[in-house]
């Protein structure tokens, strides 16, 4: 989902559902430096805080999340074509990030 559509979706969702906080994966290199995507995530966070300042945001380290997601998908025994779907990897990675966040709380 493109950022403008995402912001519109989040505004509607948070108006209809109680949201305690938003968890966002922060892309970092193994040496803790920013990746090419880090500034984009930071820009999104700033926009989110501008539009929905009452909802706190927490970032979580997303290093290795796509790799872990791919390994989990492979373990499920899905067909090669299904395993290559980028959206599926992103969904599983997001689920793993949320599970890790909740486990640390």
N, C-alpha and C. Protein backbone atom coordinates (compact mmCIF):
# COMPACT_ATOMS: atom_id res chain seq x y z
N UNK A 1 0.86 -1.17 0.00
CA UNK A 1 0.00 0.00 0.00
C UNK A 1 0.91 1.24 0.00
N UNK A 2 0.62 2.17 -0.87
CA UNK A 2 1.38 3.41 -0.93
C UNK A 2 1.09 4.25 0.32
N UNK A 3 2.05 5.09 0.71
CA UNK A 3 1.94 5.87 1.93
C UNK A 3 0.67 6.72 2.00
N UNK A 4 0.28 7.45 0.93
CA UNK A 4 -0.96 8.23 1.05
C UNK A 4 -2.19 7.37 1.35
N UNK A 5 -2.27 6.21 0.72
CA UNK A 5 -3.40 5.32 0.98
C UNK A 5 -3.29 4.73 2.40
N UNK A 6 -2.07 4.45 2.83
CA UNK A 6 -1.87 3.90 4.17
C UNK A 6 -2.32 4.89 5.23
N UNK A 7 -1.96 6.16 5.06
CA UNK A 7 -2.36 7.17 6.04
C UNK A 7 -3.88 7.29 6.08
N UNK A 8 -4.52 7.29 4.92
CA UNK A 8 -5.98 7.36 4.86
C UNK A 8 -6.59 6.14 5.56
N UNK A 9 -6.04 4.96 5.29
CA UNK A 9 -6.53 3.74 5.94
C UNK A 9 -6.37 3.84 7.46
N UNK A 10 -5.19 4.27 7.91
CA UNK A 10 -4.93 4.34 9.35
C UNK A 10 -5.84 5.37 10.04
N UNK A 11 -6.11 6.48 9.38
CA UNK A 11 -7.03 7.47 9.95
C UNK A 11 -8.42 6.85 10.13
N UNK A 12 -8.89 6.17 9.10
CA UNK A 12 -10.20 5.53 9.20
C UNK A 12 -10.23 4.42 10.23
N UNK A 13 -9.18 3.62 10.23
CA UNK A 13 -9.12 2.50 11.17
C UNK A 13 -9.09 2.99 12.61
N UNK A 14 -8.25 3.99 12.90
CA UNK A 14 -8.14 4.48 14.27
C UNK A 14 -9.39 5.24 14.72
N UNK A 15 -10.15 5.75 13.76
CA UNK A 15 -11.43 6.39 14.10
C UNK A 15 -12.48 5.35 14.47
N UNK A 16 -12.38 4.17 13.88
CA UNK A 16 -13.38 3.13 14.10
C UNK A 16 -13.01 2.14 15.20
N UNK A 17 -11.72 1.98 15.46
CA UNK A 17 -11.24 0.98 16.41
C UNK A 17 -10.33 1.63 17.46
N UNK A 18 -10.39 1.13 18.69
CA UNK A 18 -9.45 1.66 19.69
C UNK A 18 -8.03 1.15 19.39
N UNK A 19 -7.10 2.07 19.27
CA UNK A 19 -5.70 1.73 18.98
C UNK A 19 -4.85 2.31 20.10
N UNK A 20 -4.15 1.43 20.79
CA UNK A 20 -3.34 1.85 21.93
C UNK A 20 -1.99 2.41 21.49
N UNK A 21 -1.40 1.80 20.45
CA UNK A 21 -0.12 2.25 19.92
C UNK A 21 0.11 1.59 18.57
N UNK A 22 1.06 2.14 17.83
CA UNK A 22 1.44 1.60 16.53
C UNK A 22 2.88 1.09 16.65
N UNK A 23 3.10 -0.11 16.14
CA UNK A 23 4.44 -0.71 16.14
C UNK A 23 4.95 -0.68 14.71
N UNK A 24 6.14 -0.10 14.51
CA UNK A 24 6.72 0.03 13.18
C UNK A 24 8.12 -0.57 13.19
N UNK A 25 8.40 -1.41 12.20
CA UNK A 25 9.73 -1.98 12.04
C UNK A 25 10.70 -0.94 11.52
N UNK A 26 11.86 -0.81 12.17
CA UNK A 26 12.88 0.13 11.75
C UNK A 26 14.00 -0.63 11.04
N UNK A 27 14.20 -0.35 9.76
CA UNK A 27 15.24 -1.06 9.01
C UNK A 27 16.63 -0.54 9.39
N UNK A 28 17.47 -1.45 9.83
CA UNK A 28 18.85 -1.11 10.21
C UNK A 28 19.79 -2.16 9.63
N UNK A 29 21.01 -1.73 9.40
CA UNK A 29 22.05 -2.67 9.00
C UNK A 29 22.54 -3.43 10.23
N UNK A 30 23.29 -4.49 10.00
CA UNK A 30 23.80 -5.29 11.12
C UNK A 30 24.68 -4.48 12.06
N UNK A 31 25.32 -3.41 11.54
CA UNK A 31 26.18 -2.58 12.39
C UNK A 31 25.43 -1.39 13.00
N UNK A 32 24.11 -1.45 13.04
CA UNK A 32 23.22 -0.43 13.61
C UNK A 32 23.14 0.86 12.81
N UNK A 33 23.69 0.91 11.61
CA UNK A 33 23.57 2.10 10.78
C UNK A 33 22.26 2.03 9.99
N UNK A 34 21.87 3.19 9.49
CA UNK A 34 20.63 3.28 8.72
C UNK A 34 20.78 2.60 7.37
N UNK A 35 19.70 2.02 6.90
CA UNK A 35 19.66 1.46 5.55
C UNK A 35 19.10 2.54 4.62
N UNK A 36 19.00 2.22 3.34
CA UNK A 36 18.41 3.17 2.39
C UNK A 36 16.94 3.45 2.72
N UNK A 37 16.28 2.53 3.42
CA UNK A 37 14.86 2.67 3.74
C UNK A 37 14.61 3.41 5.06
N UNK A 38 15.61 3.53 5.90
CA UNK A 38 15.42 4.15 7.22
C UNK A 38 14.84 5.56 7.12
N UNK A 39 15.37 6.43 6.25
CA UNK A 39 14.78 7.78 6.15
C UNK A 39 13.31 7.77 5.71
N UNK A 40 12.94 6.80 4.89
CA UNK A 40 11.54 6.71 4.46
C UNK A 40 10.63 6.35 5.63
N UNK A 41 11.10 5.44 6.48
CA UNK A 41 10.32 5.06 7.65
C UNK A 41 10.23 6.24 8.61
N UNK A 42 11.33 6.95 8.81
CA UNK A 42 11.32 8.12 9.69
C UNK A 42 10.38 9.20 9.17
N UNK A 43 10.35 9.38 7.85
CA UNK A 43 9.44 10.36 7.24
C UNK A 43 7.98 9.94 7.47
N UNK A 44 7.70 8.64 7.33
CA UNK A 44 6.34 8.16 7.57
C UNK A 44 5.95 8.39 9.03
N UNK A 45 6.86 8.10 9.95
CA UNK A 45 6.57 8.29 11.37
C UNK A 45 6.23 9.76 11.65
N UNK A 46 7.01 10.68 11.08
CA UNK A 46 6.74 12.11 11.27
C UNK A 46 5.36 12.48 10.72
N UNK A 47 5.00 11.95 9.56
CA UNK A 47 3.69 12.23 8.98
C UNK A 47 2.58 11.64 9.85
N UNK A 48 2.80 10.43 10.33
CA UNK A 48 1.80 9.78 11.18
C UNK A 48 1.58 10.62 12.44
N UNK A 49 2.67 11.06 13.06
CA UNK A 49 2.55 11.84 14.29
C UNK A 49 1.86 13.18 14.04
N UNK A 50 2.03 13.71 12.84
CA UNK A 50 1.36 14.96 12.49
C UNK A 50 -0.15 14.74 12.36
N UNK A 51 -0.54 13.64 11.71
CA UNK A 51 -1.96 13.38 11.47
C UNK A 51 -2.67 12.72 12.65
N UNK A 52 -1.96 11.92 13.42
CA UNK A 52 -2.56 11.18 14.54
C UNK A 52 -1.67 11.31 15.77
N UNK A 53 -1.51 12.53 16.30
CA UNK A 53 -0.56 12.76 17.39
C UNK A 53 -0.92 12.07 18.71
N UNK A 54 -2.16 11.67 18.86
CA UNK A 54 -2.60 11.06 20.12
C UNK A 54 -2.24 9.57 20.22
N UNK A 55 -1.74 8.99 19.13
CA UNK A 55 -1.40 7.56 19.15
C UNK A 55 0.13 7.41 19.19
N UNK A 56 0.65 6.82 20.26
CA UNK A 56 2.10 6.65 20.34
C UNK A 56 2.62 5.62 19.34
N UNK A 57 3.84 5.83 18.91
CA UNK A 57 4.51 4.92 17.99
C UNK A 57 5.73 4.34 18.68
N UNK A 58 5.92 3.05 18.51
CA UNK A 58 7.14 2.40 18.97
C UNK A 58 7.78 1.72 17.77
N UNK A 59 9.08 1.84 17.68
CA UNK A 59 9.78 1.16 16.60
C UNK A 59 10.46 -0.09 17.15
N UNK A 60 10.56 -1.09 16.30
CA UNK A 60 11.25 -2.32 16.65
C UNK A 60 12.28 -2.61 15.56
N UNK A 61 13.35 -3.21 15.95
CA UNK A 61 14.42 -3.57 15.03
C UNK A 61 13.91 -4.65 14.10
N UNK A 62 13.94 -4.38 12.80
CA UNK A 62 13.43 -5.37 11.87
C UNK A 62 14.54 -6.11 11.11
N UNK A 63 15.77 -5.97 11.60
CA UNK A 63 16.85 -6.72 10.96
C UNK A 63 16.52 -8.20 10.96
N UNK A 64 16.78 -8.83 9.87
CA UNK A 64 16.62 -10.27 9.71
C UNK A 64 15.16 -10.72 9.69
N UNK A 65 14.19 -9.81 9.78
CA UNK A 65 12.80 -10.23 9.83
C UNK A 65 12.36 -10.89 8.52
N UNK A 66 12.79 -10.36 7.38
CA UNK A 66 12.41 -10.98 6.11
C UNK A 66 13.06 -12.36 5.96
N UNK A 67 14.29 -12.47 6.42
CA UNK A 67 14.97 -13.77 6.35
C UNK A 67 14.25 -14.79 7.24
N UNK A 68 13.90 -14.38 8.46
CA UNK A 68 13.17 -15.27 9.36
C UNK A 68 11.81 -15.63 8.79
N UNK A 69 11.16 -14.65 8.16
CA UNK A 69 9.85 -14.90 7.55
C UNK A 69 9.98 -15.92 6.42
N UNK A 70 11.00 -15.76 5.59
CA UNK A 70 11.21 -16.70 4.49
C UNK A 70 11.47 -18.10 5.01
N UNK A 71 12.23 -18.21 6.09
CA UNK A 71 12.50 -19.52 6.68
C UNK A 71 11.21 -20.14 7.22
N UNK A 72 10.38 -19.33 7.84
CA UNK A 72 9.10 -19.82 8.37
C UNK A 72 8.19 -20.28 7.24
N UNK A 73 8.17 -19.51 6.16
CA UNK A 73 7.34 -19.87 5.00
C UNK A 73 7.83 -21.17 4.38
N UNK A 74 9.15 -21.32 4.26
CA UNK A 74 9.71 -22.57 3.73
C UNK A 74 9.32 -23.76 4.60
N UNK A 75 9.32 -23.55 5.90
CA UNK A 75 8.97 -24.63 6.82
C UNK A 75 7.50 -25.03 6.71
N UNK A 76 6.67 -24.13 6.18
CA UNK A 76 5.25 -24.44 6.01
C UNK A 76 5.00 -25.38 4.84
N UNK A 77 5.99 -25.53 3.97
CA UNK A 77 5.83 -26.43 2.85
C UNK A 77 5.05 -25.86 1.68
N UNK A 78 5.02 -24.55 1.56
CA UNK A 78 4.30 -23.94 0.45
C UNK A 78 5.05 -24.16 -0.86
N UNK A 79 4.32 -24.07 -1.95
CA UNK A 79 4.94 -24.20 -3.26
C UNK A 79 5.90 -23.05 -3.50
N UNK A 80 6.85 -23.26 -4.40
CA UNK A 80 7.86 -22.25 -4.70
C UNK A 80 7.24 -20.93 -5.12
N UNK A 81 6.21 -20.98 -5.95
CA UNK A 81 5.55 -19.77 -6.42
C UNK A 81 4.92 -19.01 -5.25
N UNK A 82 4.31 -19.73 -4.33
CA UNK A 82 3.70 -19.09 -3.16
C UNK A 82 4.77 -18.48 -2.25
N UNK A 83 5.89 -19.18 -2.11
CA UNK A 83 6.96 -18.70 -1.24
C UNK A 83 7.59 -17.41 -1.75
N UNK A 84 7.52 -17.18 -3.05
CA UNK A 84 8.15 -16.00 -3.64
C UNK A 84 7.27 -14.76 -3.61
N UNK A 85 6.08 -14.87 -3.12
CA UNK A 85 5.19 -13.72 -3.07
C UNK A 85 5.70 -12.73 -2.02
N UNK A 86 6.11 -11.55 -2.47
CA UNK A 86 6.68 -10.55 -1.57
C UNK A 86 5.69 -10.17 -0.47
N UNK A 87 4.44 -10.04 -0.83
CA UNK A 87 3.44 -9.67 0.17
C UNK A 87 3.35 -10.67 1.30
N UNK A 88 3.48 -11.95 0.97
CA UNK A 88 3.43 -12.99 2.00
C UNK A 88 4.61 -12.86 2.95
N UNK A 89 5.79 -12.65 2.40
CA UNK A 89 6.99 -12.47 3.25
C UNK A 89 6.79 -11.27 4.16
N UNK A 90 6.27 -10.17 3.64
CA UNK A 90 6.04 -8.97 4.45
C UNK A 90 5.02 -9.24 5.56
N UNK A 91 3.96 -9.97 5.24
CA UNK A 91 2.95 -10.28 6.25
C UNK A 91 3.51 -11.15 7.37
N UNK A 92 4.26 -12.17 6.99
CA UNK A 92 4.85 -13.06 8.00
C UNK A 92 5.89 -12.30 8.81
N UNK A 93 6.69 -11.47 8.16
CA UNK A 93 7.70 -10.67 8.87
C UNK A 93 7.03 -9.74 9.88
N UNK A 94 5.94 -9.10 9.47
CA UNK A 94 5.21 -8.21 10.39
C UNK A 94 4.65 -8.99 11.58
N UNK A 95 4.15 -10.17 11.33
CA UNK A 95 3.63 -11.02 12.40
C UNK A 95 4.75 -11.39 13.37
N UNK A 96 5.91 -11.75 12.84
CA UNK A 96 7.05 -12.10 13.69
C UNK A 96 7.52 -10.90 14.52
N UNK A 97 7.54 -9.72 13.91
CA UNK A 97 7.92 -8.51 14.65
C UNK A 97 6.95 -8.24 15.79
N UNK A 98 5.68 -8.38 15.52
CA UNK A 98 4.68 -8.14 16.56
C UNK A 98 4.79 -9.18 17.67
N UNK A 99 4.99 -10.44 17.30
CA UNK A 99 5.16 -11.49 18.32
C UNK A 99 6.37 -11.18 19.20
N UNK A 100 7.46 -10.78 18.58
CA UNK A 100 8.67 -10.45 19.35
C UNK A 100 8.41 -9.25 20.27
N UNK A 101 7.75 -8.24 19.75
CA UNK A 101 7.42 -7.05 20.56
C UNK A 101 6.59 -7.46 21.77
N UNK A 102 5.55 -8.23 21.55
CA UNK A 102 4.68 -8.65 22.65
C UNK A 102 5.40 -9.54 23.65
N UNK A 103 6.27 -10.40 23.17
CA UNK A 103 7.03 -11.28 24.07
C UNK A 103 7.97 -10.49 24.97
N UNK A 104 8.46 -9.36 24.49
CA UNK A 104 9.38 -8.54 25.29
C UNK A 104 8.64 -7.71 26.33
N UNK A 105 7.34 -7.60 26.19
CA UNK A 105 6.55 -6.79 27.14
C UNK A 105 6.11 -7.68 28.24
